[in-house]
């Protein structure tokens, strides 16, 4: 029992270290989402905070604010998808968790 437990303990420690490293890397990530052919762009950091927002004047119509709102939402969702993809890619290199019952 001792050597099996010791091995699992080492694997758990390695997993924790890799997870902490990945969290730090993700905090430093950023992604830019666009919509309307680049009329709207939003840059988010790895904690989903807006770092930059750009709205081209030609997409602002005071009579049709819904279009602007939809474009901002679409750009935000695009940036979130990109961040999500960059967050899940490093996880493919993580150790197999089946040994821990996951």
N, C-alpha and C. Protein backbone atom coordinates (compact mmCIF):
# COMPACT_ATOMS: atom_id res chain seq x y z
N UNK A 1 0.81 -1.19 0.00
CA UNK A 1 0.00 0.00 0.00
C UNK A 1 0.86 1.26 0.00
N UNK A 2 1.95 1.24 0.69
CA UNK A 2 2.80 2.42 0.83
C UNK A 2 3.31 2.97 -0.48
N UNK A 3 3.87 2.11 -1.35
CA UNK A 3 4.45 2.62 -2.59
C UNK A 3 3.37 3.12 -3.55
N UNK A 4 2.20 2.46 -3.58
CA UNK A 4 1.11 2.92 -4.43
C UNK A 4 0.59 4.28 -3.98
N UNK A 5 0.45 4.44 -2.67
CA UNK A 5 -0.01 5.72 -2.13
C UNK A 5 1.02 6.81 -2.40
N UNK A 6 2.29 6.47 -2.22
CA UNK A 6 3.36 7.44 -2.45
C UNK A 6 3.36 7.90 -3.91
N UNK A 7 3.16 6.95 -4.81
CA UNK A 7 3.13 7.29 -6.24
C UNK A 7 1.95 8.22 -6.54
N UNK A 8 0.79 7.91 -6.00
CA UNK A 8 -0.39 8.75 -6.23
C UNK A 8 -0.20 10.14 -5.62
N UNK A 9 0.47 10.19 -4.47
CA UNK A 9 0.73 11.47 -3.82
C UNK A 9 1.64 12.33 -4.70
N UNK A 10 2.68 11.71 -5.28
CA UNK A 10 3.58 12.44 -6.18
C UNK A 10 2.84 12.91 -7.41
N UNK A 11 1.96 12.04 -7.95
CA UNK A 11 1.19 12.42 -9.14
C UNK A 11 0.25 13.58 -8.82
N UNK A 12 -0.35 13.55 -7.64
CA UNK A 12 -1.25 14.63 -7.23
C UNK A 12 -0.48 15.94 -7.08
N UNK A 13 0.72 15.87 -6.52
CA UNK A 13 1.54 17.07 -6.36
C UNK A 13 1.93 17.63 -7.73
N UNK A 14 2.31 16.75 -8.65
CA UNK A 14 2.66 17.18 -10.00
C UNK A 14 1.45 17.82 -10.68
N UNK A 15 0.31 17.20 -10.53
CA UNK A 15 -0.92 17.72 -11.13
C UNK A 15 -1.23 19.12 -10.57
N UNK A 16 -1.08 19.29 -9.27
CA UNK A 16 -1.34 20.58 -8.63
C UNK A 16 -0.38 21.64 -9.17
N UNK A 17 0.90 21.28 -9.30
CA UNK A 17 1.89 22.22 -9.81
C UNK A 17 1.58 22.62 -11.25
N UNK A 18 1.20 21.63 -12.07
CA UNK A 18 0.87 21.93 -13.46
C UNK A 18 -0.37 22.80 -13.55
N UNK A 19 -1.36 22.53 -12.71
CA UNK A 19 -2.59 23.31 -12.71
C UNK A 19 -2.31 24.75 -12.30
N UNK A 20 -1.48 24.95 -11.28
CA UNK A 20 -1.14 26.31 -10.83
C UNK A 20 -0.38 27.06 -11.92
N UNK A 21 0.51 26.37 -12.61
CA UNK A 21 1.26 26.98 -13.70
C UNK A 21 0.31 27.39 -14.82
N UNK A 22 -0.63 26.51 -15.13
CA UNK A 22 -1.59 26.79 -16.18
C UNK A 22 -2.48 27.98 -15.80
N UNK A 23 -2.89 28.07 -14.54
CA UNK A 23 -3.70 29.20 -14.08
C UNK A 23 -2.95 30.51 -14.26
N UNK A 24 -1.67 30.52 -13.92
CA UNK A 24 -0.86 31.72 -14.07
C UNK A 24 -0.75 32.10 -15.54
N UNK A 25 -0.53 31.11 -16.40
CA UNK A 25 -0.43 31.38 -17.83
C UNK A 25 -1.74 31.94 -18.36
N UNK A 26 -2.86 31.38 -17.93
CA UNK A 26 -4.15 31.85 -18.42
C UNK A 26 -4.44 33.28 -18.00
N UNK A 27 -3.98 33.67 -16.81
CA UNK A 27 -4.18 35.05 -16.38
C UNK A 27 -3.48 36.02 -17.32
N UNK A 28 -2.37 35.58 -17.90
CA UNK A 28 -1.59 36.43 -18.79
C UNK A 28 -2.05 36.34 -20.24
N UNK A 29 -2.99 35.45 -20.54
CA UNK A 29 -3.52 35.32 -21.89
C UNK A 29 -4.42 36.49 -22.21
N UNK A 30 -4.59 36.75 -23.49
CA UNK A 30 -5.60 37.70 -23.93
C UNK A 30 -6.11 37.23 -25.29
N UNK A 31 -7.31 37.66 -25.62
CA UNK A 31 -7.89 37.30 -26.91
C UNK A 31 -8.76 38.46 -27.37
N UNK A 32 -8.76 38.66 -28.68
CA UNK A 32 -9.58 39.72 -29.26
C UNK A 32 -10.68 39.10 -30.09
N UNK A 33 -11.89 39.49 -29.79
CA UNK A 33 -13.04 39.05 -30.56
C UNK A 33 -13.52 40.19 -31.42
N UNK A 34 -14.03 39.84 -32.61
CA UNK A 34 -14.51 40.86 -33.52
C UNK A 34 -15.91 40.51 -34.01
N UNK A 35 -16.59 41.52 -34.52
CA UNK A 35 -17.91 41.32 -35.10
C UNK A 35 -18.14 42.40 -36.15
N UNK A 36 -19.06 42.12 -37.04
CA UNK A 36 -19.39 43.11 -38.07
C UNK A 36 -18.23 43.38 -39.00
N UNK A 37 -17.46 42.33 -39.30
CA UNK A 37 -16.32 42.50 -40.20
C UNK A 37 -15.25 43.40 -39.63
N UNK A 38 -15.12 43.42 -38.31
CA UNK A 38 -14.08 44.22 -37.67
C UNK A 38 -14.57 45.59 -37.21
N UNK A 39 -15.86 45.86 -37.37
CA UNK A 39 -16.39 47.14 -36.91
C UNK A 39 -16.34 47.27 -35.39
N UNK A 40 -16.46 46.13 -34.72
CA UNK A 40 -16.38 46.08 -33.26
C UNK A 40 -15.29 45.10 -32.88
N UNK A 41 -14.44 45.47 -31.95
CA UNK A 41 -13.46 44.51 -31.42
C UNK A 41 -13.36 44.69 -29.91
N UNK A 42 -13.22 43.54 -29.25
CA UNK A 42 -13.10 43.53 -27.79
C UNK A 42 -11.93 42.63 -27.43
N UNK A 43 -11.03 43.13 -26.59
CA UNK A 43 -9.92 42.32 -26.11
C UNK A 43 -10.14 42.03 -24.64
N UNK A 44 -10.09 40.74 -24.30
CA UNK A 44 -10.26 40.29 -22.93
C UNK A 44 -8.98 39.67 -22.43
N UNK A 45 -8.75 39.74 -21.11
CA UNK A 45 -7.64 38.99 -20.53
C UNK A 45 -8.16 37.63 -20.07
N UNK A 46 -7.29 36.81 -19.53
CA UNK A 46 -7.65 35.46 -19.13
C UNK A 46 -8.64 35.40 -17.99
N UNK A 47 -8.90 36.52 -17.35
CA UNK A 47 -9.91 36.58 -16.29
C UNK A 47 -11.19 37.23 -16.81
N UNK A 48 -11.30 37.33 -18.12
CA UNK A 48 -12.48 37.85 -18.81
C UNK A 48 -12.77 39.32 -18.48
N UNK A 49 -11.71 40.06 -18.19
CA UNK A 49 -11.84 41.50 -18.00
C UNK A 49 -11.58 42.17 -19.34
N UNK A 50 -12.34 43.21 -19.65
CA UNK A 50 -12.16 43.91 -20.92
C UNK A 50 -10.92 44.80 -20.83
N UNK A 51 -9.98 44.53 -21.73
CA UNK A 51 -8.76 45.34 -21.80
C UNK A 51 -8.91 46.46 -22.82
N UNK A 52 -9.67 46.18 -23.88
CA UNK A 52 -9.83 47.17 -24.95
C UNK A 52 -11.17 46.95 -25.64
N UNK A 53 -11.79 48.02 -26.04
CA UNK A 53 -13.05 47.98 -26.79
C UNK A 53 -12.95 49.02 -27.89
N UNK A 54 -13.18 48.59 -29.11
CA UNK A 54 -13.11 49.50 -30.24
C UNK A 54 -14.42 49.41 -31.03
N UNK A 55 -15.04 50.55 -31.26
CA UNK A 55 -16.28 50.63 -32.03
C UNK A 55 -16.06 51.65 -33.14
N UNK A 56 -16.15 51.20 -34.38
CA UNK A 56 -15.99 52.09 -35.52
C UNK A 56 -17.24 52.96 -35.65
N UNK A 57 -17.06 54.24 -35.92
CA UNK A 57 -18.20 55.16 -35.97
C UNK A 57 -19.30 54.75 -36.96
N UNK A 58 -18.92 54.12 -38.06
CA UNK A 58 -19.93 53.79 -39.07
C UNK A 58 -20.94 52.73 -38.62
N UNK A 59 -20.68 52.05 -37.50
CA UNK A 59 -21.65 51.07 -37.02
C UNK A 59 -22.56 51.63 -35.94
N UNK A 60 -22.41 52.92 -35.65
CA UNK A 60 -23.25 53.55 -34.63
C UNK A 60 -24.38 54.30 -35.32
N UNK A 61 -25.58 53.79 -35.14
CA UNK A 61 -26.79 54.43 -35.66
C UNK A 61 -27.71 54.68 -34.47
N UNK A 62 -27.85 55.93 -34.05
CA UNK A 62 -28.68 56.23 -32.88
C UNK A 62 -30.12 55.72 -33.01
N UNK A 63 -30.55 55.50 -34.24
CA UNK A 63 -31.91 55.02 -34.46
C UNK A 63 -32.00 53.50 -34.38
N UNK A 64 -30.86 52.84 -34.35
CA UNK A 64 -30.88 51.37 -34.33
C UNK A 64 -29.80 50.85 -33.38
N UNK A 65 -29.95 51.15 -32.12
CA UNK A 65 -28.99 50.75 -31.09
C UNK A 65 -28.91 49.23 -30.96
N UNK A 66 -29.99 48.51 -31.29
CA UNK A 66 -29.99 47.05 -31.17
C UNK A 66 -28.88 46.41 -31.99
N UNK A 67 -28.61 46.95 -33.16
CA UNK A 67 -27.54 46.40 -34.00
C UNK A 67 -26.20 46.55 -33.29
N UNK A 68 -25.95 47.70 -32.73
CA UNK A 68 -24.70 47.93 -31.99
C UNK A 68 -24.60 46.98 -30.80
N UNK A 69 -25.69 46.83 -30.06
CA UNK A 69 -25.69 45.91 -28.92
C UNK A 69 -25.40 44.48 -29.36
N UNK A 70 -26.01 44.06 -30.46
CA UNK A 70 -25.78 42.70 -30.98
C UNK A 70 -24.33 42.50 -31.41
N UNK A 71 -23.75 43.54 -32.03
CA UNK A 71 -22.36 43.44 -32.47
C UNK A 71 -21.41 43.36 -31.28
N UNK A 72 -21.68 44.15 -30.24
CA UNK A 72 -20.83 44.11 -29.04
C UNK A 72 -20.92 42.73 -28.39
N UNK A 73 -22.13 42.19 -28.28
CA UNK A 73 -22.30 40.85 -27.71
C UNK A 73 -21.56 39.81 -28.54
N UNK A 74 -21.67 39.90 -29.86
CA UNK A 74 -21.01 38.93 -30.74
C UNK A 74 -19.49 39.01 -30.60
N UNK A 75 -18.95 40.21 -30.52
CA UNK A 75 -17.50 40.37 -30.36
C UNK A 75 -17.04 39.81 -29.02
N UNK A 76 -17.82 40.07 -27.97
CA UNK A 76 -17.49 39.54 -26.65
C UNK A 76 -17.50 38.01 -26.68
N UNK A 77 -18.54 37.42 -27.26
CA UNK A 77 -18.64 35.96 -27.33
C UNK A 77 -17.49 35.37 -28.15
N UNK A 78 -17.08 36.07 -29.20
CA UNK A 78 -15.95 35.61 -30.02
C UNK A 78 -14.67 35.59 -29.18
N UNK A 79 -14.44 36.63 -28.40
CA UNK A 79 -13.25 36.68 -27.54
C UNK A 79 -13.30 35.59 -26.48
N UNK A 80 -14.48 35.36 -25.90
CA UNK A 80 -14.63 34.31 -24.88
C UNK A 80 -14.32 32.94 -25.48
N UNK A 81 -14.81 32.68 -26.69
CA UNK A 81 -14.53 31.39 -27.36
C UNK A 81 -13.03 31.20 -27.54
N UNK A 82 -12.36 32.27 -27.97
CA UNK A 82 -10.92 32.18 -28.18
C UNK A 82 -10.18 31.92 -26.87
N UNK A 83 -10.60 32.59 -25.80
CA UNK A 83 -9.98 32.35 -24.50
C UNK A 83 -10.26 30.93 -24.02
N UNK A 84 -11.48 30.48 -24.23
CA UNK A 84 -11.84 29.12 -23.82
C UNK A 84 -10.98 28.10 -24.56
N UNK A 85 -10.78 28.34 -25.85
CA UNK A 85 -9.94 27.42 -26.64
C UNK A 85 -8.51 27.42 -26.12
N UNK A 86 -7.98 28.61 -25.82
CA UNK A 86 -6.60 28.66 -25.32
C UNK A 86 -6.50 28.06 -23.92
N UNK A 87 -7.60 28.07 -23.17
CA UNK A 87 -7.59 27.47 -21.83
C UNK A 87 -7.67 25.96 -21.88
N UNK A 88 -8.40 25.42 -22.85
CA UNK A 88 -8.56 23.97 -22.92
C UNK A 88 -7.40 23.30 -23.64
N UNK A 89 -6.70 24.00 -24.50
CA UNK A 89 -5.58 23.38 -25.21
C UNK A 89 -4.48 22.88 -24.27
N UNK A 90 -4.03 23.66 -23.29
CA UNK A 90 -2.98 23.15 -22.39
C UNK A 90 -3.44 21.97 -21.55
N UNK A 91 -4.74 21.83 -21.33
CA UNK A 91 -5.24 20.74 -20.51
C UNK A 91 -5.03 19.39 -21.16
N UNK A 92 -4.85 19.38 -22.48
CA UNK A 92 -4.63 18.10 -23.15
C UNK A 92 -3.31 17.48 -22.72
N UNK A 93 -2.39 18.30 -22.20
CA UNK A 93 -1.11 17.78 -21.73
C UNK A 93 -1.10 17.40 -20.26
N UNK A 94 -2.24 17.56 -19.61
CA UNK A 94 -2.33 17.23 -18.18
C UNK A 94 -2.35 15.72 -18.00
N UNK A 95 -1.90 15.25 -16.87
CA UNK A 95 -1.90 13.80 -16.61
C UNK A 95 -3.32 13.24 -16.58
N UNK A 96 -3.41 11.95 -16.81
CA UNK A 96 -4.68 11.25 -16.78
C UNK A 96 -5.21 11.24 -15.35
N UNK A 97 -6.43 11.72 -15.16
CA UNK A 97 -7.00 11.82 -13.82
C UNK A 97 -7.76 10.56 -13.41
N UNK A 98 -7.83 9.57 -14.27
CA UNK A 98 -8.61 8.37 -13.95
C UNK A 98 -8.03 7.64 -12.74
N UNK A 99 -6.75 7.80 -12.50
CA UNK A 99 -6.12 7.15 -11.34
C UNK A 99 -6.65 7.72 -10.03
N UNK A 100 -7.20 8.93 -10.11
CA UNK A 100 -7.73 9.58 -8.92
C UNK A 100 -9.24 9.44 -8.82
N UNK A 101 -9.83 8.67 -9.72
CA UNK A 101 -11.26 8.45 -9.69
C UNK A 101 -12.06 9.54 -10.40
N UNK A 102 -11.40 10.37 -11.22
CA UNK A 102 -12.11 11.43 -11.96
C UNK A 102 -12.49 10.93 -13.32
